[in-house]
Amino acid sequence: MAGGLVGIALSDRRERHRWLRDSQLLASTNLLSALQLLIRRMITVPYLDPAESRDPLSPAVAAFNDASVAWNNAQYAALLVTPPAVAGQVPALDREIDRLLDLACDRTWTRLDFRRERTRLGRMAAEYLLVARKLAGLPDIELPSIWTWDVDPDPATSSTPGRP
């Protein structure tokens, strides 16, 4: 009887651990998916006239605002269930998104210039992904950035001159 109870307790513990790991992976997956959608919507903003980029009735701004809601929801879920090492990276990602949005609304950008500004975010998101994988017990992968176009090994040469 005691052996049966121990078996049940261990099984329950394994199930809780599996549920938590699955929830953490799902939260991280949703966060990165929401980030992708948000950036996809943000990419149209820097090519608008600066006045239009702040107009809430603009279709591009409305689409970005909808993606922002999804991003915020994904952030909260990640903050609730991911371990501290993963959750601790979420606010930095959000601050970088805010920085990019401010830049996007400042002026009209070229595609290449705004791509360079997004380099840091791609590298931060890759670091988030690598830490989430590690804590989930998955093997390391070589991923310097989530952006496939970011192939420059020196971050100092990847940003716009005069900007951090």
Protein backbone atom coordinates (compact mmCIF):
# COMPACT_ATOMS: atom_id res chain seq x y z
CA MET A 1 0.00 0.00 0.00
CA ALA A 2 2.78 2.45 0.94
CA GLY A 3 4.59 1.62 -2.31
CA GLY A 4 1.43 2.39 -4.27
CA LEU A 5 1.04 5.76 -2.57
CA VAL A 6 4.68 6.63 -3.27
CA GLY A 7 4.18 5.62 -6.90
CA ILE A 8 1.09 7.83 -7.17
CA ALA A 9 2.89 10.76 -5.55
CA LEU A 10 5.88 10.42 -7.89
CA SER A 11 3.62 10.10 -10.90
CA ASP A 12 1.70 13.20 -9.84
CA ARG A 13 4.95 15.09 -9.36
CA ARG A 14 6.20 14.06 -12.83
CA GLU A 15 2.92 15.17 -14.38
CA ARG A 16 3.09 18.56 -12.65
CA HIS A 17 6.69 18.98 -13.79
CA ARG A 18 5.73 18.03 -17.37
CA TRP A 19 2.75 20.41 -17.30
CA LEU A 20 4.93 23.26 -16.01
CA ARG A 21 7.63 22.62 -18.62
CA ASP A 22 5.01 22.47 -21.39
CA SER A 23 3.42 25.69 -20.09
CA GLN A 24 6.80 27.42 -20.02
CA LEU A 25 7.60 26.32 -23.57
CA LEU A 26 4.18 27.43 -24.76
CA ALA A 27 4.58 30.83 -23.08
CA SER A 28 8.01 31.30 -24.64
CA THR A 29 6.72 30.21 -28.05
CA ASN A 30 3.78 32.60 -27.79
CA LEU A 31 6.07 35.43 -26.70
CA LEU A 32 8.38 34.97 -29.69
CA SER A 33 5.39 34.62 -32.05
CA ALA A 34 3.84 37.80 -30.67
CA LEU A 35 7.20 39.53 -31.04
CA GLN A 36 7.36 38.48 -34.68
CA LEU A 37 3.86 39.79 -35.35
CA LEU A 38 4.59 43.05 -33.54
CA ILE A 39 7.77 43.65 -35.50
CA ARG A 40 6.01 42.69 -38.75
CA ARG A 41 3.41 45.38 -38.00
CA MET A 42 6.04 47.86 -36.81
CA ILE A 43 8.03 47.53 -40.02
CA THR A 44 5.42 49.55 -41.91
CA VAL A 45 5.52 52.44 -39.42
CA PRO A 46 8.99 53.86 -40.21
CA TYR A 47 8.09 54.23 -43.89
CA LEU A 48 5.09 56.42 -43.13
CA ASP A 49 5.12 60.16 -42.87
CA PRO A 50 5.95 60.95 -39.20
CA ALA A 51 2.51 62.54 -38.68
CA GLU A 52 0.75 59.46 -40.07
CA SER A 53 2.87 57.17 -37.88
CA ARG A 54 1.19 58.74 -34.84
CA ASP A 55 -2.34 58.78 -36.28
CA PRO A 56 -4.45 56.14 -34.46
CA LEU A 57 -6.81 56.00 -37.46
CA SER A 58 -4.01 54.97 -39.83
CA PRO A 59 -4.44 51.31 -40.85
CA ALA A 60 -0.74 50.64 -40.18
CA VAL A 61 -0.93 52.14 -36.69
CA ALA A 62 -4.18 50.28 -35.93
CA ALA A 63 -2.58 46.98 -37.00
CA PHE A 64 0.44 47.74 -34.84
CA ASN A 65 -1.80 48.54 -31.86
CA ASP A 66 -3.59 45.19 -32.25
CA ALA A 67 -0.24 43.41 -32.35
CA SER A 68 0.79 45.35 -29.23
CA VAL A 69 -2.15 43.86 -27.34
CA ALA A 70 -1.06 40.35 -28.36
CA TRP A 71 2.53 41.19 -27.34
CA ASN A 72 1.41 42.44 -23.92
CA ASN A 73 -0.70 39.32 -23.34
CA ALA A 74 2.24 37.09 -24.30
CA GLN A 75 4.52 39.04 -21.97
CA TYR A 76 2.21 38.55 -19.02
CA ALA A 77 1.89 34.83 -19.68
CA ALA A 78 5.67 34.47 -19.93
CA LEU A 79 6.18 36.46 -16.74
CA LEU A 80 3.69 34.23 -14.92
CA VAL A 81 5.05 30.80 -15.82
CA THR A 82 8.66 31.05 -16.99
CA PRO A 83 11.60 30.66 -14.61
CA PRO A 84 13.31 33.85 -13.39
CA ALA A 85 16.22 33.51 -15.83
CA VAL A 86 13.78 33.62 -18.76
CA ALA A 87 11.24 36.04 -17.29
CA GLY A 88 14.01 38.48 -16.44
CA GLN A 89 14.69 39.02 -20.13
CA VAL A 90 11.14 40.00 -21.02
CA PRO A 91 11.23 43.62 -19.75
CA ALA A 92 14.45 44.27 -21.71
CA LEU A 93 12.78 43.01 -24.88
CA ASP A 94 9.82 45.28 -24.23
CA ARG A 95 12.07 48.30 -23.65
CA GLU A 96 13.88 47.60 -26.91
CA ILE A 97 10.55 47.44 -28.74
CA ASP A 98 9.58 50.80 -27.22
CA ARG A 99 12.91 52.26 -28.35
CA LEU A 100 12.35 50.98 -31.87
CA LEU A 101 8.82 52.35 -31.99
CA ASP A 102 10.03 55.78 -30.88
CA LEU A 103 12.63 55.71 -33.64
CA ALA A 104 10.12 54.47 -36.19
CA CYS A 105 7.83 57.41 -35.46
CA ASP A 106 10.63 60.00 -35.43
CA ARG A 107 11.22 60.15 -39.15
CA THR A 108 10.81 58.28 -42.41
CA TRP A 109 13.41 55.52 -42.63
CA THR A 110 15.00 53.53 -45.40
CA ARG A 111 14.52 49.78 -45.25
CA LEU A 112 18.21 49.14 -44.61
CA ASP A 113 18.54 51.79 -41.87
CA PHE A 114 15.55 50.50 -39.92
CA ARG A 115 16.74 46.93 -40.38
CA ARG A 116 20.04 47.91 -38.75
CA GLU A 117 18.14 49.41 -35.83
CA ARG A 118 16.38 46.07 -35.30
CA THR A 119 19.65 44.12 -35.03
CA ARG A 120 19.85 44.40 -31.25
CA LEU A 121 16.28 43.15 -30.81
CA GLY A 122 16.98 40.10 -32.96
CA ARG A 123 20.00 39.25 -30.86
CA MET A 124 18.14 39.80 -27.60
CA ALA A 125 15.30 37.55 -28.79
CA ALA A 126 17.82 34.86 -29.77
CA GLU A 127 19.31 35.03 -26.28
CA TYR A 128 15.81 34.69 -24.79
CA LEU A 129 15.17 31.66 -26.99
CA LEU A 130 18.47 30.03 -26.04
CA VAL A 131 17.87 30.50 -22.30
CA ALA A 132 14.30 29.16 -22.63
CA ARG A 133 15.60 26.10 -24.50
CA LYS A 134 18.31 25.48 -21.92
CA LEU A 135 15.88 25.65 -18.99
CA ALA A 136 13.52 23.31 -20.82
CA GLY A 137 16.33 20.77 -21.07
CA LEU A 138 16.72 21.14 -24.83
CA PRO A 139 20.16 21.12 -26.44
CA ASP A 140 21.94 24.35 -27.33
CA ILE A 141 21.76 25.64 -30.86
CA GLU A 142 23.91 28.22 -32.56
CA LEU A 143 21.63 31.20 -33.03
CA PRO A 144 23.19 34.65 -32.83
CA SER A 145 19.96 36.36 -33.93
CA ILE A 146 16.39 35.48 -34.80
CA TRP A 147 16.78 37.54 -37.98
CA THR A 148 18.23 35.44 -40.78
CA TRP A 149 19.63 38.57 -42.41
CA ASP A 150 21.75 39.40 -39.34
CA VAL A 151 25.03 37.75 -40.29
CA ASP A 152 27.45 40.45 -39.07
CA PRO A 153 29.44 39.02 -36.14
CA ASP A 154 30.27 42.49 -34.78
CA PRO A 155 27.23 44.24 -33.26
CA ALA A 156 29.11 47.56 -33.31
CA THR A 157 29.08 47.53 -37.12
CA SER A 158 25.43 46.49 -37.27
CA SER A 159 23.89 49.60 -35.79
CA THR A 160 23.37 52.96 -37.34
CA PRO A 161 26.37 55.25 -36.68
CA GLY A 162 25.80 57.49 -33.71
CA ARG A 163 23.20 55.16 -32.16
CA PRO A 164 23.81 52.53 -29.44
